[in-house]
Amino acid sequence: MRVPLPLLSVALTLMVLPYSAVTQKPDWEPRYLGNTSLRHAAFMEAYFSEDETLAYEDRWSVYVSTFDPGLIGQFDRKYYIRSPGRYMDSIETWDTDILELLDVNAYWPNNPDYMPSSVGGAEGIVWTSGFLVSSKTDGQLQLYDTTQEPPSGPYNIASNDNTDWAYHRVVWKDMDNDGDLDAITSRFFLPLVGEASTQVLYLENPGTGFSEGWAEHIITELGGDVHFAVKTLDAGGRPYDCILLGEFFNRRLSVVWTENVTGDWSDQASIEYRVFAPNSNQPFDVLVEDFNEDGTEELMVTLYDNAAGVGRVEVFFFPADFRTDNFTNIIVAEGFVPNDIPGGGEVMSPGSPKIFYPSSAYANELALDGRPHKPWVMLSGDDDGCMYILYPDTEDRTDWTYQKQTLIDTQGYIAGKMATGDFDNDGYTDVLVAGYSTGKLYLYTYAP
């Protein structure tokens, strides 16, 4: 039988094009499964355990912080959820069935950051805490052994600090070339009168497992307070270990690096600092990823223009020489307007971004140019009470256009963070959203 030429052409095309070229791009919107109650749900992360002896669903755990400014001088609550994928059909009862209280021994707990087992001999998390709210300024860096049930701890590795420092993030990296991972962090203290004190530092891992009072090594006091990102950048024919800083109080972006050829940050004389975006408004979070999947990472920054009362998301491109060259940038989302919070106080929007794919199949497919699909961006609106999805318009690597889609307007003043992962091993991404003001956790899935 003779095949008409047009049909033959189509058949041959289907044979040679990547699978993704003939499948429809998934819709941006996941399916809503319901919600459960958790008063003041705020920062949240989901982690997949290293322990391969566990069933897939049991390797997932979610950690959620809460904080109440009305509890003057009182500790706030931390929670955890084991195996959320086993309870996808009963989200309404999570608050009574699987949501567990971890402890109540920190002021204003912030992000629970992952800690690999190589740090202290067992897998765990480090829970950051402290803020600028009166009576909640004394933060900690508390380690928990999450291989135990309930998680054992806490062990405050920052117990040697001498000020009411507030902490938001920890990244693990060998900073002194001794073979173990140290804790990089940034911190701030805002007195009732005067300017904020800020520091970037690392806490030296003593190699004694879960322990307290790690030795502090100040990297810089010129900038760095809330969020930061770590990246190796090439310049002048060699790599440099760098820390990219979103300076919340100074309202600028900067980079600090070591000139030490072995990357030894204990060599204080080799540390350099540069402001590369002096008029960036107020940055909240920074994230380094390959957002357009062209093989080169970029820096995403969430920013708030205090004068205009509106926020945006920008992507900065690393220049040939980060030490001297200009950083070009582009706005990829804007128009974020925070709510007026009862009782006053400063507000801002948006909050933290996180990349994800709607399914493992989509993550593993190749676009027409033979490269992976662009990741999508989950974005907290923070003080506007919403959670967003930034949905790439095209797979063109030079096209930075995103659709800004609202996943949920909680109808509350403030939204918290989000957690994503395939909790139930069905090949589709699940999304858990914290509604701080509404006191809810909202569950979604990309499964049909």
Protein backbone atom coordinates (compact mmCIF):
# COMPACT_ATOMS: atom_id res chain seq x y z
CA MET A 1 0.00 0.00 0.00
CA ARG A 2 1.30 3.41 -0.94
CA VAL A 3 1.45 5.94 1.93
CA PRO A 4 0.58 9.53 0.90
CA LEU A 5 3.63 11.79 1.17
CA PRO A 6 2.10 14.16 3.77
CA LEU A 7 1.27 11.26 6.10
CA LEU A 8 4.70 9.72 5.57
CA SER A 9 6.32 13.01 6.51
CA VAL A 10 4.28 13.19 9.71
CA ALA A 11 5.15 9.60 10.60
CA LEU A 12 8.86 10.16 10.10
CA THR A 13 8.69 13.34 12.20
CA LEU A 14 7.04 11.48 15.07
CA MET A 15 9.81 8.89 14.94
CA VAL A 16 12.68 11.34 15.29
CA LEU A 17 11.30 14.12 17.47
CA PRO A 18 11.72 13.91 21.27
CA TYR A 19 8.69 12.53 23.06
CA SER A 20 7.85 15.92 24.53
CA ALA A 21 7.50 17.42 21.07
CA VAL A 22 4.33 15.41 20.42
CA THR A 23 2.75 15.58 23.88
CA GLN A 24 0.77 18.48 25.24
CA LYS A 25 2.39 20.72 27.83
CA PRO A 26 0.70 20.09 31.19
CA ASP A 27 -1.66 22.74 32.47
CA TRP A 28 -0.24 24.98 35.18
CA GLU A 29 -3.02 24.25 37.67
CA PRO A 30 -2.93 21.24 40.00
CA ARG A 31 -6.00 19.56 41.47
CA TYR A 32 -7.14 20.74 44.91
CA LEU A 33 -7.50 17.97 47.51
CA GLY A 34 -8.55 19.93 50.60
CA ASN A 35 -7.07 21.48 53.72
CA THR A 36 -6.36 20.87 57.35
CA SER A 37 -5.96 23.18 60.33
CA LEU A 38 -2.63 24.42 61.65
CA ARG A 39 -2.63 27.76 63.43
CA HIS A 40 0.04 30.20 62.17
CA ALA A 41 1.52 27.74 59.64
CA ALA A 42 4.57 29.53 58.23
CA PHE A 43 7.88 28.14 56.90
CA MET A 44 7.68 24.63 55.52
CA GLU A 45 9.88 22.07 53.77
CA ALA A 46 9.49 18.46 52.61
CA TYR A 47 12.51 16.14 52.58
CA PHE A 48 13.11 12.69 51.09
CA SER A 49 15.21 10.49 53.38
CA GLU A 50 18.53 8.93 52.44
CA ASP A 51 17.34 5.65 54.03
CA GLU A 52 16.69 3.25 51.15
CA THR A 53 15.45 0.55 53.53
CA LEU A 54 12.25 2.55 54.04
CA ALA A 55 9.25 2.24 51.75
CA TYR A 56 9.08 5.11 49.26
CA GLU A 57 6.15 6.87 50.97
CA ASP A 58 7.85 6.58 54.36
CA ARG A 59 10.96 8.38 53.14
CA TRP A 60 9.01 11.65 52.95
CA SER A 61 8.63 14.00 55.93
CA VAL A 62 7.27 17.55 56.12
CA TYR A 63 8.43 20.09 58.71
CA VAL A 64 6.36 23.19 59.52
CA SER A 65 7.17 26.18 61.70
CA THR A 66 4.62 28.38 63.44
CA PHE A 67 5.07 31.67 65.23
CA ASP A 68 2.70 33.90 67.16
CA PRO A 69 3.65 37.57 67.75
CA GLY A 70 0.94 37.69 70.40
CA LEU A 71 2.78 35.22 72.62
CA ILE A 72 5.02 37.80 74.26
CA GLY A 73 8.23 36.20 75.48
CA GLN A 74 6.94 32.67 74.88
CA PHE A 75 8.35 29.93 72.67
CA ASP A 76 6.61 28.92 69.44
CA ARG A 77 5.68 25.50 68.10
CA LYS A 78 7.38 23.30 65.49
CA TYR A 79 5.56 20.42 63.77
CA TYR A 80 6.32 17.48 61.51
CA ILE A 81 4.37 15.07 59.32
CA ARG A 82 5.61 11.57 58.52
CA SER A 83 4.65 9.78 55.29
CA PRO A 84 2.18 12.39 53.96
CA GLY A 85 1.70 10.37 50.76
CA ARG A 86 -0.13 7.67 52.69
CA TYR A 87 -2.84 10.14 53.67
CA MET A 88 -3.52 12.07 50.47
CA ASP A 89 -7.23 11.26 50.57
CA SER A 90 -7.75 12.44 54.15
CA ILE A 91 -6.13 15.88 54.37
CA GLU A 92 -9.04 17.15 56.49
CA THR A 93 -7.94 14.92 59.40
CA TRP A 94 -4.19 15.52 59.20
CA ASP A 95 -4.37 17.91 62.15
CA THR A 96 -5.54 15.07 64.41
CA ASP A 97 -4.12 11.98 62.68
CA ILE A 98 -0.57 12.65 61.45
CA LEU A 99 0.45 16.21 62.38
CA GLU A 100 2.88 15.85 65.29
CA LEU A 101 4.24 18.50 67.64
CA LEU A 102 8.04 18.38 67.57
CA ASP A 103 8.75 20.78 70.44
CA VAL A 104 8.21 24.26 71.89
CA ASN A 105 11.65 25.68 72.68
CA ALA A 106 12.50 28.43 70.19
CA TYR A 107 11.39 31.98 69.51
CA TRP A 108 9.96 32.49 66.03
CA PRO A 109 11.18 29.31 64.25
CA ASN A 110 11.98 29.97 60.60
CA ASN A 111 13.12 27.55 57.92
CA PRO A 112 13.87 23.89 58.74
CA ASP A 113 16.89 23.16 56.52
CA TYR A 114 18.03 19.68 55.54
CA MET A 115 21.15 18.17 57.11
CA PRO A 116 22.80 15.16 55.42
CA SER A 117 24.00 12.27 57.57
CA SER A 118 27.64 13.15 56.75
CA VAL A 119 27.38 16.20 59.03
CA GLY A 120 26.71 14.47 62.33
CA GLY A 121 26.48 10.74 61.70
CA ALA A 122 22.72 10.65 61.17
CA GLU A 123 20.32 12.40 58.85
CA GLY A 124 18.55 15.41 60.28
CA ILE A 125 17.47 19.01 59.99
CA VAL A 126 18.73 22.29 61.37
CA TRP A 127 15.88 24.56 62.44
CA THR A 128 16.61 28.29 62.26
CA SER A 129 14.82 30.84 64.44
CA GLY A 130 14.55 34.42 65.66
CA PHE A 131 13.12 37.59 64.15
CA LEU A 132 12.79 41.33 64.75
CA VAL A 133 9.54 41.08 66.72
CA SER A 134 10.00 42.23 70.30
CA SER A 135 10.72 39.33 72.71
CA LYS A 136 11.31 36.99 69.72
CA THR A 137 14.79 38.20 68.69
CA ASP A 138 16.91 35.49 70.33
CA GLY A 139 17.32 32.90 67.58
CA GLN A 140 19.01 29.50 67.48
CA LEU A 141 20.34 26.90 65.05
CA GLN A 142 18.89 23.67 66.42
CA LEU A 143 19.88 20.24 65.11
CA TYR A 144 17.45 17.30 65.17
CA ASP A 145 18.16 13.65 64.41
CA THR A 146 15.22 12.82 62.14
CA THR A 147 16.09 9.10 61.98
CA GLN A 148 14.55 8.85 65.45
CA GLU A 149 10.83 8.84 66.21
CA PRO A 150 10.15 11.40 67.47
CA PRO A 151 13.20 13.30 66.18
CA SER A 152 15.77 13.67 68.95
CA GLY A 153 17.22 17.02 69.94
CA PRO A 154 17.53 19.91 69.79
CA TYR A 155 21.24 20.73 69.83
CA ASN A 156 21.88 24.46 69.40
CA ILE A 157 25.10 24.79 67.42
CA ALA A 158 24.86 28.60 67.77
CA SER A 159 24.79 28.58 71.57
CA ASN A 160 28.08 30.53 71.64
CA ASP A 161 26.55 33.63 70.05
CA ASN A 162 26.67 36.75 72.21
CA THR A 163 23.72 38.71 70.80
CA ASP A 164 20.03 38.05 70.12
CA TRP A 165 20.79 37.05 66.55
CA ALA A 166 18.02 35.96 64.17
CA TYR A 167 18.74 33.16 61.66
CA HIS A 168 16.81 32.11 58.55
CA ARG A 169 19.00 29.75 56.51
CA VAL A 170 21.83 27.20 56.77
CA VAL A 171 23.83 25.72 53.87
CA TRP A 172 26.30 22.89 54.47
CA LYS A 173 29.79 23.15 52.95
CA ASP A 174 33.36 22.30 53.95
CA MET A 175 34.68 25.80 54.62
CA ASP A 176 38.10 24.97 56.12
CA ASN A 177 39.17 21.96 54.03
CA ASP A 178 39.17 19.57 56.99
CA GLY A 179 36.89 17.05 55.28
CA ASP A 180 33.60 17.67 57.06
CA LEU A 181 30.66 19.93 56.33
CA ASP A 182 30.34 23.22 58.20
CA ALA A 183 27.22 25.37 58.65
CA ILE A 184 27.13 28.58 56.58
CA THR A 185 24.57 31.08 57.80
CA SER A 186 23.75 34.78 57.98
CA ARG A 187 22.16 36.63 60.85
CA PHE A 188 20.94 40.01 62.05
CA PHE A 189 20.02 41.90 65.20
CA LEU A 190 17.87 45.03 65.12
CA PRO A 191 17.98 47.07 68.34
CA LEU A 192 15.09 49.26 69.47
CA VAL A 193 17.21 52.28 68.55
CA GLY A 194 19.85 52.33 65.83
CA GLU A 195 20.84 50.35 62.77
CA ALA A 196 20.77 46.59 62.31
CA SER A 197 23.91 44.56 62.94
CA THR A 198 24.52 41.89 60.29
CA GLN A 199 26.98 39.04 59.80
CA VAL A 200 27.79 36.22 57.41
CA LEU A 201 29.64 33.37 59.12
CA TYR A 202 30.23 29.68 59.28
CA LEU A 203 30.06 27.44 62.32
CA GLU A 204 32.87 24.91 62.36
CA ASN A 205 31.80 21.29 62.56
CA PRO A 206 33.75 19.83 65.53
CA GLY A 207 33.23 16.27 64.30
CA THR A 208 31.42 15.25 67.49
CA GLY A 209 28.05 14.43 65.97
CA PHE A 210 24.95 16.13 67.34
CA SER A 211 26.44 18.68 69.70
CA GLU A 212 26.13 22.31 70.77
CA GLY A 213 28.27 25.42 70.72
CA TRP A 214 30.17 25.14 67.42
CA ALA A 215 33.01 27.62 66.94
CA GLU A 216 32.00 30.72 64.97
CA HIS A 217 34.05 32.19 62.11
CA ILE A 218 32.89 35.57 60.84
CA ILE A 219 33.15 35.95 57.06
CA THR A 220 31.92 39.53 56.75
CA GLU A 221 29.90 42.13 58.62
CA LEU A 222 29.50 44.36 55.55
CA GLY A 223 26.31 42.63 54.41
CA GLY A 224 24.18 39.54 54.69
CA ASP A 225 21.29 39.16 57.09
CA VAL A 226 18.38 36.94 56.02
CA HIS A 227 18.76 34.86 52.85
CA PHE A 228 21.76 33.89 50.73
CA ALA A 229 22.88 31.33 48.13
CA VAL A 230 26.17 29.51 47.60
CA LYS A 231 27.72 29.06 44.16
CA THR A 232 31.09 28.46 42.49
CA LEU A 233 31.81 31.13 39.86
CA ASP A 234 34.61 31.11 37.30
CA ALA A 235 36.69 34.23 36.67
CA GLY A 236 40.17 34.84 35.29
CA GLY A 237 40.61 31.18 34.43
CA ARG A 238 39.87 29.72 37.87
CA PRO A 239 36.89 28.87 40.09
CA TYR A 240 35.91 30.87 43.17
CA ASP A 241 33.73 29.83 46.08
CA CYS A 242 31.09 32.56 46.43
CA ILE A 243 28.18 33.47 48.68
CA LEU A 244 25.49 35.62 47.06
CA LEU A 245 23.73 37.89 49.54
CA GLY A 246 20.31 39.48 49.49
CA GLU A 247 20.83 42.33 51.95
CA PHE A 248 17.40 42.92 53.44
CA PHE A 249 18.33 45.88 55.63
CA ASN A 250 20.83 47.54 53.28
CA ARG A 251 18.49 46.99 50.28
CA ARG A 252 21.13 45.74 47.88
CA LEU A 253 22.67 42.58 46.42
CA SER A 254 26.27 41.59 47.00
CA VAL A 255 28.76 38.76 46.68
CA VAL A 256 31.47 37.62 49.06
CA TRP A 257 34.21 35.22 48.04
CA THR A 258 37.60 33.88 49.02
CA GLU A 259 40.73 34.43 46.96
CA ASN A 260 42.35 31.47 48.68
CA VAL A 261 43.29 29.06 45.89
CA THR A 262 42.20 26.03 47.92
CA GLY A 263 38.88 27.61 48.92
CA ASP A 264 39.84 27.84 52.59
CA TRP A 265 37.49 30.37 54.19
CA SER A 266 39.43 30.29 57.45
CA ASP A 267 42.00 32.47 55.65
CA GLN A 268 40.32 35.74 56.64
CA ALA A 269 42.79 37.91 54.72
CA SER A 270 41.66 36.30 51.43
CA ILE A 271 37.98 37.20 51.79
CA GLU A 272 36.60 39.85 49.40
CA TYR A 273 33.22 41.57 49.16
CA ARG A 274 31.43 43.44 46.39
CA VAL A 275 28.01 45.09 46.01
CA PHE A 276 26.83 44.33 42.46
CA ALA A 277 23.28 45.77 42.67
CA PRO A 278 23.28 48.80 45.00
CA ASN A 279 19.76 49.97 44.17
CA SER A 280 17.84 46.72 44.13
CA ASN A 281 15.11 47.76 46.60
CA GLN A 282 14.50 45.33 49.45
CA PRO A 283 15.45 41.73 48.62
CA PHE A 284 13.77 38.92 50.52
CA ASP A 285 15.04 35.69 49.00
CA VAL A 286 17.66 34.57 46.48
CA LEU A 287 17.76 31.29 44.56
CA VAL A 288 20.43 29.90 42.20
CA GLU A 289 19.15 27.46 39.55
CA ASP A 290 19.27 26.89 35.80
CA PHE A 291 15.86 28.47 35.23
CA ASN A 292 15.88 28.22 31.43
CA GLU A 293 17.77 24.89 31.25
CA ASP A 294 20.45 26.22 28.91
CA GLY A 295 23.27 24.67 30.94
CA THR A 296 24.11 27.85 32.87
CA GLU A 297 22.71 28.81 36.26
CA GLU A 298 21.14 32.19 37.05
CA LEU A 299 20.22 34.07 40.23
CA MET A 300 16.53 34.69 40.98
CA VAL A 301 15.75 37.45 43.49
CA THR A 302 12.44 38.49 45.04
CA LEU A 303 12.35 42.25 45.66
CA TYR A 304 10.03 44.80 47.21
CA ASP A 305 9.94 48.48 46.23
CA ASN A 306 9.07 50.19 49.53
CA ALA A 307 8.39 53.57 47.95
CA ALA A 308 6.01 52.22 45.30
CA GLY A 309 4.50 49.55 47.56
CA VAL A 310 4.85 46.80 44.96
CA GLY A 311 7.12 43.77 44.53
CA ARG A 312 8.66 41.84 41.65
CA VAL A 313 10.86 38.90 40.71
CA GLU A 314 14.10 39.46 38.83
CA VAL A 315 16.65 37.11 37.27
CA PHE A 316 20.32 38.17 37.32
CA PHE A 317 22.87 36.73 34.89
CA PHE A 318 26.40 35.95 36.06
CA PRO A 319 28.98 37.93 34.04
CA ALA A 320 32.32 36.65 32.75
CA ASP A 321 34.02 38.14 35.81
CA PHE A 322 31.76 38.56 38.83
CA ARG A 323 34.48 40.55 40.60
CA THR A 324 34.40 43.49 38.18
CA ASP A 325 31.76 43.09 35.45
CA ASN A 326 28.16 44.28 35.53
CA PHE A 327 25.38 41.83 36.34
CA THR A 328 22.58 42.18 33.80
CA ASN A 329 19.05 41.36 34.90
CA ILE A 330 15.47 41.05 33.73
CA ILE A 331 12.09 41.31 35.47
CA VAL A 332 10.17 38.04 35.11
CA ALA A 333 7.14 38.76 37.33
CA GLU A 334 5.77 41.91 38.94
CA GLY A 335 2.70 43.54 40.44
CA PHE A 336 2.86 41.95 43.91
CA VAL A 337 1.00 44.22 46.34
CA PRO A 338 1.08 43.29 50.05
CA ASN A 339 -1.90 43.65 52.33
CA ASP A 340 -2.10 46.25 55.05
CA ILE A 341 -1.56 44.17 58.16
CA PRO A 342 -3.69 45.10 61.20
CA GLY A 343 -1.53 46.64 63.88
CA GLY A 344 0.87 48.21 61.39
CA GLY A 345 4.44 47.16 60.75
CA GLU A 346 6.40 46.82 57.53
CA VAL A 347 5.04 44.52 54.83
CA MET A 348 6.46 43.11 51.61
CA SER A 349 5.73 40.76 48.74
CA PRO A 350 6.71 38.36 47.18
CA GLY A 351 8.47 35.83 49.40
CA SER A 352 10.41 32.66 48.61
CA PRO A 353 10.62 30.90 45.19
CA LYS A 354 11.14 27.20 44.51
CA ILE A 355 11.48 25.35 41.19
CA PHE A 356 9.51 22.17 40.38
CA TYR A 357 8.09 20.03 37.59
CA PRO A 358 4.47 18.82 37.51
CA SER A 359 5.46 15.19 36.98
CA SER A 360 8.47 12.93 36.69
CA ALA A 361 7.58 12.26 33.04
CA TYR A 362 7.66 15.96 32.20
CA ALA A 363 10.90 16.40 34.15
CA ASN A 364 12.54 13.61 32.17
CA GLU A 365 11.29 14.62 28.72
CA LEU A 366 13.33 16.65 26.27
CA ALA A 367 12.08 19.69 24.41
CA LEU A 368 12.52 20.17 20.65
CA ASP A 369 16.06 21.47 21.09
CA GLY A 370 17.10 18.32 22.94
CA ARG A 371 17.35 20.02 26.34
CA PRO A 372 15.10 19.48 29.37
CA HIS A 373 11.93 21.48 29.75
CA LYS A 374 12.18 24.73 31.65
CA PRO A 375 11.23 24.22 35.30
CA TRP A 376 8.20 25.98 36.74
CA VAL A 377 8.49 28.28 39.75
CA MET A 378 6.35 28.08 42.87
CA LEU A 379 6.34 31.48 44.56
CA SER A 380 4.99 32.63 47.91
CA GLY A 381 3.27 36.02 47.86
CA ASP A 382 4.05 36.34 51.57
CA ASP A 383 2.18 39.45 52.77
CA ASP A 384 -0.31 39.42 49.89
CA GLY A 385 -1.79 36.14 51.17
CA CYS A 386 -1.35 34.24 47.88
CA MET A 387 0.67 31.40 46.40
CA TYR A 388 1.69 31.67 42.73
CA ILE A 389 3.01 29.53 39.90
CA LEU A 390 5.28 31.14 37.32
CA TYR A 391 4.55 29.15 34.15
CA PRO A 392 7.09 29.52 31.30
CA ASP A 393 5.43 30.70 28.09
CA THR A 394 7.78 28.85 25.73
CA GLU A 395 10.78 26.51 25.68
CA ASP A 396 12.85 29.20 23.92
CA ARG A 397 15.93 29.54 26.13
CA THR A 398 16.10 33.29 25.44
CA ASP A 399 12.44 33.90 26.30
CA TRP A 400 12.03 34.94 29.95
CA THR A 401 8.26 35.43 29.77
CA TYR A 402 6.23 33.73 32.48
CA GLN A 403 2.52 33.59 33.12
CA LYS A 404 1.90 34.60 36.72
CA GLN A 405 -0.88 32.25 37.84
CA THR A 406 -2.50 32.37 41.28
CA LEU A 407 -2.57 28.89 42.80
CA ILE A 408 -4.51 30.09 45.83
CA ASP A 409 -5.63 33.35 47.36
CA THR A 410 -5.97 32.27 50.97
CA GLN A 411 -8.12 35.33 51.72
CA GLY A 412 -5.81 35.93 54.66
CA TYR A 413 -3.28 38.69 55.17
CA ILE A 414 -0.19 36.45 54.98
CA ALA A 415 0.73 33.22 53.19
CA GLY A 416 3.59 31.03 54.36
CA LYS A 417 5.89 28.81 52.31
CA MET A 418 5.25 25.70 50.26
CA ALA A 419 6.52 22.12 50.07
CA THR A 420 6.60 20.06 46.87
CA GLY A 421 7.33 16.43 46.06
CA ASP A 422 5.81 13.21 44.79
CA PHE A 423 4.63 12.13 48.22
CA ASP A 424 2.66 9.04 47.13
CA ASN A 425 4.94 7.72 44.35
CA ASP A 426 2.37 8.08 41.55
CA GLY A 427 4.70 10.05 39.27
CA TYR A 428 2.97 13.38 39.87
CA THR A 429 4.06 16.32 42.02
CA ASP A 430 2.10 17.17 45.13
CA VAL A 431 2.04 20.65 46.65
CA LEU A 432 1.42 21.65 50.26
CA VAL A 433 0.80 25.36 50.96
CA ALA A 434 0.88 27.12 54.33
CA GLY A 435 -1.78 29.76 54.98
CA TYR A 436 -0.36 31.69 57.92
CA SER A 437 -3.28 34.03 58.59
CA THR A 438 -5.97 31.45 57.82
CA GLY A 439 -4.35 28.76 59.96
CA LYS A 440 -4.55 26.14 57.19
CA LEU A 441 -2.42 23.73 55.18
CA TYR A 442 -3.74 23.37 51.60
CA LEU A 443 -2.97 20.22 49.57
CA TYR A 444 -2.81 19.93 45.77
CA THR A 445 -1.70 17.29 43.28
CA TYR A 446 -0.87 17.24 39.57
CA ALA A 447 -2.24 13.70 39.32
CA PRO A 448 -5.33 13.57 37.04
